Amino acid sequence: MENVRVRFAPSPTGGLHIGGVRTALFNYLFAKKNNGTFILRIEDTDQTRFVEGAEDYIKKTLDWCGIAPDEGPDQGGEYGPYRQSERKDIYRKYAEKLIEDGNAYYAFDTPEELEAMRERLKEARVVNPQYDTITRTTMKNSLTLDKEEVQRRLDNGDPYVIRIKIPKKEEVRLNDMVRGWVMVHTEVLDDKVLMKSDGMPTYHLANIVDDHLMKITHVIRGEEWLPSAPLHVLLYRFLGWEDEMPQFAHLPLILKPDGNGKLSKRAADKAGFPIFPLNWVDPETCDLSRGFKETGFLPEALINFLAFLGWNPGTEQEIFSLEELTKEFSEKRINKAGTKFDFDKAKWFNQQYIKATDSNVFAADLVKEYKQKYNIDCPSETAIQIVDLLKERVTFPTEFADGGLAIFQAPTSFDEKVLSKKWNEESPKALTLFADTLENHENISAESAKTLFWETLESAGYKPGQFMQTLRLVLTGEGSGPDLMTMIEIMSGKKAALRIKSSIEALEK
């Protein structure tokens, strides 16, 4: 493919849903796979739904995810402006051209008249009451009013909208890149508003005009826009751009974890997982919705997870860097059916990326967290050791601090199940014997600590394996956890020995 140009065109009406990030990702991957251009366009024609801060949130999200646009409001480009509210004057002439060619019309109906029409249709048991090829003949528009009346209303400044004139008894065909041929009869389509009474275009007109003027070659968007696709095909035809119409690809829905319906914020809140990539504060209610970033997800892990929501490489490989995803991505492997949102799988991806990440990346934050949260001075070398100790066990980087806290703090309570099953009169004797030997080893490796433990207890006639869990108990208070001998190495032999003795004393009291 040559000169591939795709756009991600969100509306700044709130926090960017994780499904929107998936759409942006697929656009990005398709563009980069084909040496094309990835464009960000802010579709803010509906000023009544504009939310302060939403556009900035969209930009920060793309930046954090590593899928920054090549052209956009901040990057610029030869096809700007990239906010639709700044392109208002562009759309009017195309709406008027549609009217001149008989493919659109002025509609002067008041809200009350529109509601009365819908009520009449409901009473007549019409399943889907709408402004269409039949009902438009009974309404106040430039198709039913004479030219003089229409001009008088326009000259008087009467409120009006411009509607598309859907042709009667036609079949609209669309060859979708994901779904194949889609055919819709015009009898089920309504005469959508193209230009609102405030002079702003609706999404339908604005996105068609902008896609054409920005030379968009492929429109990759969510399945929820599929019902609008026939209308868009008609607009391309009416405006004389049918030969230059971009190819469409409608992505499968992201479903709730149980597969029952589309994933929503309410469903995510109920299931206890985030729906936004970054923290989002509703400007009206001030409610905070926790983001994937703040939950502890690495951006690389989230991107890898999102790529598999509706796409697969056709192999058993699951871990892909962004560069690898770009290389392997193909629109031919995008699924048609909806895909379940599996939060456990998302956490699995995060675990894999944490394991593969250099420990130094997490150590600096760990040093800060210990100081700020616990007032503990943790040297960088120790922080690296703690990360190495816990990398195989954690799901989120935020778990490192609590997971390694036993390195610095003696237990204040002890696992009752381990006490009742494992603690006996021999336990303090055997463990004290080990502590007496251990305190002479300030610096000791995990391997040496293990050897020392086994040799010391065996020489005294004990079976060391019987005391491993009680050794963990006196060091950490828990019955299970990360490698115990490595913990002793990080603590130092002397500090571990003192910990063992103080815990035995506490237990005996």
Protein backbone atom coordinates (compact mmCIF):
# COMPACT_ATOMS: atom_id res chain seq x y z
CA MET A 1 0.00 0.00 0.00
CA GLU A 2 1.22 3.50 -0.84
CA ASN A 3 0.63 6.76 1.03
CA VAL A 4 -1.41 5.13 3.78
CA ARG A 5 -3.05 7.73 6.02
CA VAL A 6 -5.25 6.80 8.98
CA ARG A 7 -6.80 8.90 11.71
CA PHE A 8 -7.85 8.41 15.31
CA ALA A 9 -10.71 10.84 15.80
CA PRO A 10 -12.01 10.89 19.39
CA SER A 11 -14.53 13.35 20.79
CA PRO A 12 -13.41 15.25 23.92
CA THR A 13 -16.56 14.36 25.85
CA GLY A 14 -14.87 12.68 28.82
CA GLY A 15 -12.09 10.29 29.73
CA LEU A 16 -10.82 8.13 26.87
CA HIS A 17 -12.29 4.63 27.29
CA ILE A 18 -9.85 1.73 26.98
CA GLY A 19 -11.77 0.70 23.84
CA GLY A 20 -10.77 4.00 22.30
CA VAL A 21 -7.13 3.26 23.06
CA ARG A 22 -7.52 -0.10 21.28
CA THR A 23 -8.90 1.74 18.21
CA ALA A 24 -5.97 4.18 18.30
CA LEU A 25 -3.53 1.28 18.60
CA PHE A 26 -4.94 -0.58 15.59
CA ASN A 27 -4.78 2.60 13.53
CA TYR A 28 -1.19 3.16 14.64
CA LEU A 29 -0.13 -0.41 13.87
CA PHE A 30 -1.77 -0.36 10.44
CA ALA A 31 -0.09 2.94 9.56
CA LYS A 32 3.37 1.93 10.73
CA LYS A 33 3.13 -1.52 9.14
CA ASN A 34 2.55 0.22 5.79
CA ASN A 35 5.01 3.08 6.31
CA GLY A 36 2.04 5.41 6.56
CA THR A 37 0.90 8.35 8.66
CA PHE A 38 -1.04 8.20 11.94
CA ILE A 39 -3.17 11.30 12.54
CA LEU A 40 -4.95 12.59 15.65
CA ARG A 41 -8.07 14.65 14.88
CA ILE A 42 -10.21 16.06 17.67
CA GLU A 43 -13.88 15.81 16.70
CA ASP A 44 -15.42 18.51 18.89
CA THR A 45 -18.36 19.60 16.74
CA ASP A 46 -20.81 18.80 19.56
CA GLN A 47 -19.98 21.69 21.84
CA THR A 48 -22.82 20.80 24.23
CA ARG A 49 -20.93 17.65 25.26
CA PHE A 50 -17.44 19.18 25.37
CA VAL A 51 -15.61 18.38 28.61
CA GLU A 52 -12.76 20.55 29.83
CA GLY A 53 -9.49 18.65 30.02
CA ALA A 54 -10.64 15.75 27.84
CA GLU A 55 -8.48 16.67 24.84
CA ASP A 56 -5.38 16.99 27.00
CA TYR A 57 -6.20 13.61 28.55
CA ILE A 58 -6.37 12.01 25.09
CA LYS A 59 -2.94 13.38 24.18
CA LYS A 60 -1.36 12.27 27.46
CA THR A 61 -2.82 8.80 27.01
CA LEU A 62 -1.38 8.35 23.52
CA ASP A 63 1.97 9.65 24.72
CA TRP A 64 2.05 7.27 27.73
CA CYS A 65 1.09 4.33 25.51
CA GLY A 66 3.88 5.14 23.08
CA ILE A 67 1.61 5.63 20.06
CA ALA A 68 2.11 9.32 19.42
CA PRO A 69 0.55 10.75 16.23
CA ASP A 70 2.55 12.00 13.26
CA GLU A 71 0.06 14.82 12.63
CA GLY A 72 -2.35 16.44 15.05
CA PRO A 73 -3.26 19.58 17.00
CA ASP A 74 0.20 19.73 18.61
CA GLN A 75 2.29 18.18 15.83
CA GLY A 76 0.72 20.21 13.05
CA GLY A 77 0.72 19.11 9.41
CA GLU A 78 -0.24 20.34 5.98
CA TYR A 79 -3.88 19.25 6.36
CA GLY A 80 -4.76 21.15 9.55
CA PRO A 81 -6.36 22.49 11.57
CA TYR A 82 -6.83 19.19 13.39
CA ARG A 83 -9.71 20.29 15.61
CA GLN A 84 -13.09 20.27 13.90
CA SER A 85 -14.26 23.33 15.85
CA GLU A 86 -11.49 25.25 14.05
CA ARG A 87 -12.70 23.98 10.66
CA LYS A 88 -16.29 25.24 10.99
CA ASP A 89 -16.16 27.44 7.88
CA ILE A 90 -15.03 24.49 5.74
CA TYR A 91 -18.19 22.41 6.10
CA ARG A 92 -20.87 24.91 5.09
CA LYS A 93 -20.07 24.89 1.37
CA TYR A 94 -20.29 21.10 1.22
CA ALA A 95 -23.67 21.12 2.94
CA GLU A 96 -24.91 23.73 0.47
CA LYS A 97 -23.54 21.71 -2.44
CA LEU A 98 -25.56 18.73 -1.25
CA ILE A 99 -28.69 20.94 -1.22
CA GLU A 100 -27.98 22.36 -4.68
CA ASP A 101 -27.57 18.86 -6.10
CA GLY A 102 -30.82 17.67 -4.52
CA ASN A 103 -29.11 15.36 -2.03
CA ALA A 104 -29.95 17.35 1.12
CA TYR A 105 -32.61 19.79 2.26
CA TYR A 106 -33.50 22.42 4.84
CA ALA A 107 -35.75 21.23 7.67
CA PHE A 108 -37.55 23.83 9.78
CA ASP A 109 -39.36 21.47 12.17
CA THR A 110 -39.51 22.55 15.81
CA PRO A 111 -38.63 20.15 18.63
CA GLU A 112 -42.34 19.96 19.45
CA GLU A 113 -43.23 19.04 15.88
CA LEU A 114 -40.55 16.35 15.80
CA GLU A 115 -41.85 14.86 19.03
CA ALA A 116 -45.44 14.94 17.72
CA MET A 117 -44.30 13.07 14.61
CA ARG A 118 -42.66 10.37 16.72
CA GLU A 119 -45.76 10.01 18.88
CA ARG A 120 -47.97 9.60 15.79
CA LEU A 121 -45.70 6.85 14.52
CA LYS A 122 -45.69 5.11 17.89
CA GLU A 123 -49.48 5.18 17.98
CA ALA A 124 -49.43 3.67 14.49
CA ARG A 125 -47.19 0.92 15.92
CA VAL A 126 -44.20 1.83 13.82
CA VAL A 127 -41.28 -0.08 15.33
CA ASN A 128 -38.60 2.51 14.60
CA PRO A 129 -40.10 6.02 14.36
CA GLN A 130 -37.72 8.27 12.46
CA TYR A 131 -37.40 11.13 9.98
CA ASP A 132 -37.07 9.18 6.73
CA THR A 133 -38.15 8.88 3.09
CA ILE A 134 -41.79 8.52 4.15
CA THR A 135 -42.19 10.84 7.15
CA ARG A 136 -40.28 13.72 5.56
CA THR A 137 -43.24 14.24 3.21
CA THR A 138 -45.39 15.28 6.20
CA MET A 139 -42.90 17.66 7.81
CA LYS A 140 -41.85 21.30 7.32
CA ASN A 141 -38.85 21.21 5.04
CA SER A 142 -37.71 22.46 1.65
CA LEU A 143 -39.12 19.33 0.04
CA THR A 144 -42.69 20.11 1.17
CA LEU A 145 -42.67 23.91 1.29
CA ASP A 146 -42.62 26.05 -1.87
CA LYS A 147 -39.43 27.90 -2.79
CA GLU A 148 -40.79 31.30 -1.74
CA GLU A 149 -41.70 30.02 1.73
CA VAL A 150 -38.31 28.39 2.14
CA GLN A 151 -36.51 31.60 1.14
CA ARG A 152 -38.73 33.69 3.42
CA ARG A 153 -37.86 31.45 6.40
CA LEU A 154 -34.16 31.61 5.57
CA ASP A 155 -34.28 35.42 5.21
CA ASN A 156 -36.15 35.70 8.52
CA GLY A 157 -33.47 33.67 10.27
CA ASP A 158 -35.84 30.86 11.24
CA PRO A 159 -33.98 27.99 12.93
CA TYR A 160 -33.29 25.07 10.64
CA VAL A 161 -31.09 22.02 10.18
CA ILE A 162 -29.79 20.48 6.98
CA ARG A 163 -30.69 16.81 6.48
CA ILE A 164 -29.42 14.32 3.96
CA LYS A 165 -32.02 13.16 1.46
CA ILE A 166 -31.81 9.39 1.57
CA PRO A 167 -32.75 7.90 -1.82
CA LYS A 168 -35.75 5.58 -2.01
CA LYS A 169 -35.48 1.85 -2.63
CA GLU A 170 -31.74 1.51 -3.06
CA GLU A 171 -29.23 -0.96 -1.72
CA VAL A 172 -26.02 0.53 -0.32
CA ARG A 173 -22.99 -1.77 -0.52
CA LEU A 174 -19.78 -1.56 1.47
CA ASN A 175 -16.79 -3.90 1.27
CA ASP A 176 -15.47 -3.81 4.83
CA MET A 177 -11.88 -4.96 5.41
CA VAL A 178 -12.94 -7.01 8.44
CA ARG A 179 -16.51 -8.09 7.63
CA GLY A 180 -16.53 -8.38 3.88
CA TRP A 181 -19.53 -7.11 1.94
CA VAL A 182 -22.14 -5.24 3.99
CA MET A 183 -25.44 -4.44 2.27
CA VAL A 184 -28.12 -2.15 3.68
CA HIS A 185 -31.42 -1.07 2.07
CA THR A 186 -32.17 2.65 2.22
CA GLU A 187 -35.67 1.97 3.56
CA VAL A 188 -34.13 1.39 7.01
CA LEU A 189 -32.04 4.58 6.94
CA ASP A 190 -33.19 7.95 8.24
CA ASP A 191 -32.48 11.44 6.94
CA LYS A 192 -29.68 12.26 9.40
CA VAL A 193 -28.94 15.85 10.31
CA LEU A 194 -25.76 17.03 8.60
CA MET A 195 -25.69 20.65 9.78
CA LYS A 196 -27.16 21.69 13.13
CA SER A 197 -29.07 24.85 13.88
CA ASP A 198 -25.98 26.39 15.51
CA GLY A 199 -24.12 26.12 12.21
CA MET A 200 -21.89 23.29 13.36
CA PRO A 201 -21.77 20.10 11.31
CA THR A 202 -22.67 16.76 12.81
CA TYR A 203 -20.15 13.94 12.95
CA HIS A 204 -21.52 12.45 9.73
CA LEU A 205 -20.75 15.42 7.50
CA ALA A 206 -17.63 16.65 9.27
CA ASN A 207 -15.81 13.33 9.32
CA ILE A 208 -16.52 12.66 5.64
CA VAL A 209 -15.29 16.11 4.58
CA ASP A 210 -12.24 15.94 6.85
CA ASP A 211 -11.32 12.41 5.79
CA HIS A 212 -11.45 13.51 2.16
CA LEU A 213 -9.51 16.74 2.63
CA MET A 214 -6.92 15.04 4.84
CA LYS A 215 -6.53 12.28 2.23
CA ILE A 216 -7.43 9.49 4.67
CA THR A 217 -7.00 6.14 2.92
CA HIS A 218 -8.39 3.80 5.59
CA VAL A 219 -11.01 4.38 8.29
CA ILE A 220 -10.45 1.96 11.17
CA ARG A 221 -13.05 2.41 13.91
CA GLY A 222 -15.30 0.55 16.33
CA GLU A 223 -18.20 -1.68 15.34
CA GLU A 224 -20.66 0.80 16.84
CA TRP A 225 -20.11 2.96 13.74
CA LEU A 226 -21.06 0.20 11.31
CA PRO A 227 -24.76 1.26 11.15
CA SER A 228 -23.59 4.72 10.03
CA ALA A 229 -21.32 3.38 7.29
CA PRO A 230 -24.04 3.24 4.55
CA LEU A 231 -24.86 6.89 5.21
CA HIS A 232 -21.18 7.75 4.83
CA VAL A 233 -20.94 5.80 1.58
CA LEU A 234 -23.88 7.83 0.25
CA LEU A 235 -22.20 11.10 1.27
CA TYR A 236 -19.05 10.14 -0.60
CA ARG A 237 -21.18 9.44 -3.66
CA PHE A 238 -23.23 12.63 -3.37
CA LEU A 239 -20.10 14.78 -2.98
CA GLY A 240 -18.49 13.18 -6.02
CA TRP A 241 -15.73 11.46 -4.03
CA GLU A 242 -16.80 7.85 -4.43
CA ASP A 243 -13.66 6.89 -6.37
CA GLU A 244 -11.50 8.30 -3.56
CA MET A 245 -13.51 6.82 -0.68
CA PRO A 246 -11.30 5.27 2.00
CA GLN A 247 -11.51 1.60 2.84
CA PHE A 248 -13.44 0.85 6.02
CA ALA A 249 -12.58 -1.57 8.79
CA HIS A 250 -14.96 -1.93 11.73
CA LEU A 251 -13.33 -3.44 14.80
CA PRO A 252 -15.15 -5.99 16.98
CA LEU A 253 -16.76 -4.88 20.21
CA ILE A 254 -14.94 -5.29 23.51
CA LEU A 255 -17.35 -7.26 25.68
CA LYS A 256 -17.82 -7.60 29.41
CA PRO A 257 -15.78 -10.41 31.02
CA ASP A 258 -18.80 -12.74 30.89
CA GLY A 259 -19.36 -11.90 27.22
CA ASN A 260 -22.81 -10.49 27.97
CA GLY A 261 -22.89 -7.06 26.35
CA LYS A 262 -20.46 -4.27 25.59
CA LEU A 263 -17.87 -3.32 28.18
CA SER A 264 -18.83 -0.14 30.00
CA LYS A 265 -17.58 1.95 32.90
CA ARG A 266 -20.38 0.62 35.07
CA ALA A 267 -19.46 -2.98 34.26
CA ALA A 268 -15.77 -2.29 34.94
CA ASP A 269 -16.55 -0.56 38.25
CA LYS A 270 -18.71 -3.49 39.28
CA ALA A 271 -15.99 -6.01 38.39
CA GLY A 272 -13.35 -3.92 40.15
CA PHE A 273 -10.97 -3.08 37.31
CA PRO A 274 -10.11 0.20 35.53
CA ILE A 275 -11.70 1.32 32.28
CA PHE A 276 -9.49 4.36 31.64
CA PRO A 277 -5.76 4.26 30.76
CA LEU A 278 -4.90 7.09 33.19
CA ASN A 279 -6.64 8.45 36.26
CA TRP A 280 -9.71 10.43 35.19
CA VAL A 281 -11.45 12.97 37.41
CA ASP A 282 -14.97 13.84 36.30
CA PRO A 283 -15.00 17.68 36.21
CA GLU A 284 -18.67 17.81 37.22
CA THR A 285 -18.81 15.26 40.04
CA CYS A 286 -15.08 15.27 40.93
CA ASP A 287 -15.31 11.47 41.06
CA LEU A 288 -11.95 9.78 40.51
CA SER A 289 -11.77 6.79 38.18
CA ARG A 290 -8.49 4.97 38.69
CA GLY A 291 -6.46 4.35 35.54
CA PHE A 292 -4.40 1.39 34.37
CA LYS A 293 -1.23 3.43 34.86
CA GLU A 294 -2.02 4.27 38.48
CA THR A 295 -3.15 0.69 39.13
CA GLY A 296 0.38 -0.37 38.27
CA PHE A 297 0.28 -1.41 34.63
CA LEU A 298 3.30 -0.88 32.43
CA PRO A 299 2.34 0.81 29.14
CA GLU A 300 4.06 -1.93 27.12
CA ALA A 301 2.02 -4.60 28.90
CA LEU A 302 -1.27 -2.75 28.37
CA ILE A 303 -0.53 -2.25 24.66
CA ASN A 304 0.36 -5.92 24.24
CA PHE A 305 -2.89 -6.91 25.97
CA LEU A 306 -5.03 -4.51 23.92
CA ALA A 307 -3.53 -5.79 20.67
CA PHE A 308 -5.00 -9.21 21.41
CA LEU A 309 -8.50 -7.80 21.93
CA GLY A 310 -9.81 -8.61 18.48
CA TRP A 311 -6.57 -9.58 16.75
CA ASN A 312 -4.17 -12.51 16.87
CA PRO A 313 -0.88 -13.25 15.11
CA GLY A 314 -1.87 -16.77 14.07
CA THR A 315 0.88 -18.28 16.23
CA GLU A 316 1.33 -19.31 19.87
CA GLN A 317 3.43 -16.22 20.63
CA GLU A 318 1.78 -13.79 23.06
CA ILE A 319 4.52 -11.39 24.14
CA PHE A 320 5.14 -8.70 21.52
CA SER A 321 6.96 -5.41 21.74
CA LEU A 322 5.37 -2.49 19.91
CA GLU A 323 7.92 -2.96 17.13
CA GLU A 324 7.06 -6.66 16.87
CA LEU A 325 3.33 -5.89 16.83
CA THR A 326 3.93 -3.42 14.01
CA LYS A 327 5.81 -6.04 12.02
CA GLU A 328 3.22 -8.80 12.54
CA PHE A 329 0.01 -6.76 12.39
CA SER A 330 -2.42 -7.53 9.59
CA GLU A 331 -5.99 -6.37 9.14
CA LYS A 332 -6.72 -9.85 7.78
CA ARG A 333 -6.31 -11.29 11.28
CA ILE A 334 -8.78 -8.94 12.96
CA ASN A 335 -11.73 -10.90 14.32
CA LYS A 336 -15.35 -10.22 13.38
CA ALA A 337 -16.86 -11.44 16.66
CA GLY A 338 -16.75 -9.48 19.90
CA THR A 339 -13.90 -10.19 22.30
CA LYS A 340 -14.18 -10.60 26.08
CA PHE A 341 -12.22 -8.28 28.33
CA ASP A 342 -10.18 -10.61 30.55
CA PHE A 343 -8.63 -8.58 33.37
CA ASP A 344 -6.75 -11.60 34.70
CA LYS A 345 -5.08 -11.89 31.30
CA ALA A 346 -4.19 -8.20 31.44
CA LYS A 347 -2.51 -8.81 34.81
CA TRP A 348 -0.66 -11.80 33.36
CA PHE A 349 0.79 -9.60 30.63
CA ASN A 350 1.89 -7.11 33.29
CA GLN A 351 3.62 -9.88 35.24
CA GLN A 352 5.53 -10.99 32.16
CA TYR A 353 6.76 -7.48 31.44
CA ILE A 354 7.80 -6.89 35.05
CA LYS A 355 9.85 -10.11 34.97
CA ALA A 356 11.55 -9.03 31.75
CA THR A 357 12.30 -5.46 32.89
CA ASP A 358 15.68 -4.53 34.36
CA SER A 359 15.38 -4.25 38.15
CA ASN A 360 17.05 -0.84 38.12
CA VAL A 361 13.92 0.55 36.44
CA PHE A 362 11.85 -0.18 39.57
CA ALA A 363 14.55 0.36 42.21
CA ALA A 364 14.56 4.17 42.15
CA ASP A 365 10.80 4.37 42.77
CA LEU A 366 11.12 1.74 45.50
CA VAL A 367 13.71 3.83 47.35
CA LYS A 368 11.34 6.83 47.23
CA GLU A 369 8.32 4.80 48.33
CA TYR A 370 10.09 3.35 51.34
CA LYS A 371 11.14 6.83 52.43
CA GLN A 372 7.78 8.51 51.83
CA LYS A 373 5.49 5.73 53.02
CA TYR A 374 7.52 4.10 55.83
CA ASN A 375 10.35 6.58 56.53
CA ILE A 376 12.81 3.80 55.74
CA ASP A 377 16.19 4.61 54.22
CA CYS A 378 16.69 1.92 51.61
CA PRO A 379 20.00 1.99 49.70
CA SER A 380 19.73 1.60 45.94
CA GLU A 381 21.67 -1.66 46.03
CA THR A 382 19.22 -3.09 48.53
CA ALA A 383 16.26 -1.90 46.46
CA ILE A 384 17.64 -3.74 43.44
CA GLN A 385 18.03 -6.90 45.53
CA ILE A 386 14.43 -6.63 46.76
CA VAL A 387 13.13 -6.18 43.20
CA ASP A 388 15.14 -9.22 42.08
CA LEU A 389 13.72 -11.18 45.00
CA LEU A 390 10.10 -10.33 44.21
CA LYS A 391 9.95 -9.96 40.41
CA GLU A 392 8.61 -13.47 39.91
CA ARG A 393 5.84 -12.93 42.47
CA VAL A 394 4.35 -9.47 41.89
CA THR A 395 1.65 -8.33 39.47
CA PHE A 396 2.25 -4.59 39.89
CA PRO A 397 5.39 -2.58 40.75
CA THR A 398 3.49 -1.09 43.69
CA GLU A 399 3.74 -4.49 45.41
CA PHE A 400 7.52 -4.35 45.76
CA ALA A 401 7.49 -2.10 48.82
CA ASP A 402 5.05 -4.12 50.92
CA GLY A 403 6.54 -7.39 49.68
CA GLY A 404 10.01 -6.42 50.90
CA LEU A 405 8.97 -4.71 54.11
CA ALA A 406 9.99 -7.73 56.20
CA ILE A 407 13.61 -6.96 55.24
CA PHE A 408 13.43 -3.86 57.43
CA GLN A 409 10.70 -4.49 60.01
CA ALA A 410 10.38 -7.32 62.52
CA PRO A 411 6.99 -9.07 62.56
CA THR A 412 4.43 -7.89 65.10
CA SER A 413 2.17 -10.92 64.60
CA PHE A 414 2.67 -14.52 63.55
CA ASP A 415 0.69 -16.89 61.33
CA GLU A 416 -1.51 -18.85 63.74
CA LYS A 417 -1.85 -21.88 61.45
CA VAL A 418 1.90 -22.32 61.19
CA LEU A 419 2.28 -21.85 64.93
CA SER A 420 -0.28 -24.51 65.75
CA LYS A 421 1.08 -27.03 63.24
CA LYS A 422 4.81 -26.46 63.19
CA TRP A 423 5.88 -24.78 66.43
CA ASN A 424 6.98 -27.14 69.20
CA GLU A 425 9.45 -27.25 72.08
CA GLU A 426 12.31 -28.05 69.69
CA SER A 427 11.66 -25.03 67.46
CA PRO A 428 13.25 -22.33 69.65
CA LYS A 429 16.25 -24.57 70.40
CA ALA A 430 16.99 -25.39 66.76
CA LEU A 431 16.42 -21.83 65.52
CA THR A 432 18.48 -20.29 68.31
CA LEU A 433 21.31 -22.62 67.44
CA PHE A 434 21.18 -21.40 63.83
CA ALA A 435 21.00 -17.76 64.96
CA ASP A 436 24.06 -18.16 67.18
CA THR A 437 26.03 -19.39 64.18
CA LEU A 438 24.52 -16.90 61.73
CA GLU A 439 25.31 -13.78 63.75
CA ASN A 440 28.99 -14.29 63.05
CA HIS A 441 28.35 -13.84 59.29
CA GLU A 442 27.71 -10.18 58.55
CA ASN A 443 27.82 -10.68 54.78
CA ILE A 444 26.47 -14.01 53.62
CA SER A 445 25.12 -15.24 50.33
CA ALA A 446 21.81 -17.06 50.02
CA GLU A 447 23.59 -20.25 49.09
CA SER A 448 25.97 -20.00 52.06
CA ALA A 449 23.07 -19.25 54.41
CA LYS A 450 21.27 -22.36 53.24
CA THR A 451 24.38 -24.51 53.68
CA LEU A 452 24.97 -23.04 57.14
CA PHE A 453 21.40 -23.75 58.18
CA TRP A 454 21.47 -27.38 57.08
CA GLU A 455 24.93 -28.12 58.46
CA THR A 456 24.27 -26.46 61.80
CA LEU A 457 21.00 -28.28 62.45
CA GLU A 458 22.18 -31.64 61.11
CA SER A 459 25.28 -31.57 63.30
CA ALA A 460 23.00 -31.03 66.32
CA GLY A 461 20.83 -34.01 65.35
CA TYR A 462 17.91 -32.08 63.88
CA LYS A 463 16.18 -32.57 60.53
CA PRO A 464 16.52 -29.08 58.97
CA GLY A 465 13.53 -29.47 56.65
CA GLN A 466 11.20 -29.61 59.65
CA PHE A 467 12.21 -26.10 60.71
CA MET A 468 12.20 -24.21 57.40
CA GLN A 469 8.66 -22.89 57.83
CA THR A 470 9.24 -21.88 61.45
CA LEU A 471 12.43 -20.09 60.36
CA ARG A 472 10.31 -18.09 57.91
CA LEU A 473 7.79 -17.47 60.68
CA VAL A 474 10.31 -15.89 63.06
CA LEU A 475 11.85 -13.79 60.27
CA THR A 476 8.68 -12.53 58.58
CA GLY A 477 5.66 -13.62 60.65
CA GLU A 478 4.28 -15.39 57.56
CA GLY A 479 4.03 -19.03 56.56
CA SER A 480 5.01 -18.45 52.94
CA GLY A 481 6.77 -15.91 50.77
CA PRO A 482 9.81 -15.26 48.58
CA ASP A 483 13.07 -17.17 48.86
CA LEU A 484 14.01 -17.16 52.53
CA MET A 485 17.77 -17.49 52.18
CA THR A 486 17.88 -14.58 49.75
CA MET A 487 16.04 -12.51 52.34
CA ILE A 488 18.73 -13.41 54.87
CA GLU A 489 21.38 -12.36 52.34
CA ILE A 490 19.71 -8.96 51.87
CA MET A 491 19.22 -8.44 55.62
CA SER A 492 22.78 -9.60 56.49
CA GLY A 493 23.47 -12.58 58.69
CA LYS A 494 23.83 -10.52 61.85
CA LYS A 495 20.50 -8.68 61.49
CA ALA A 496 18.70 -11.89 60.57
CA ALA A 497 20.13 -13.60 63.67
CA LEU A 498 18.93 -10.77 65.91
CA ARG A 499 15.49 -10.95 64.26
CA ILE A 500 15.27 -14.71 64.89
CA LYS A 501 16.12 -14.31 68.57
CA SER A 502 13.77 -11.39 69.19
CA SER A 503 10.87 -13.25 67.53
CA ILE A 504 11.55 -16.39 69.59
CA GLU A 505 11.50 -14.25 72.71
CA ALA A 506 8.19 -12.70 71.67
CA LEU A 507 6.67 -16.10 70.94
CA GLU A 508 7.81 -17.60 74.23
CA LYS A 509 6.18 -14.73 76.12
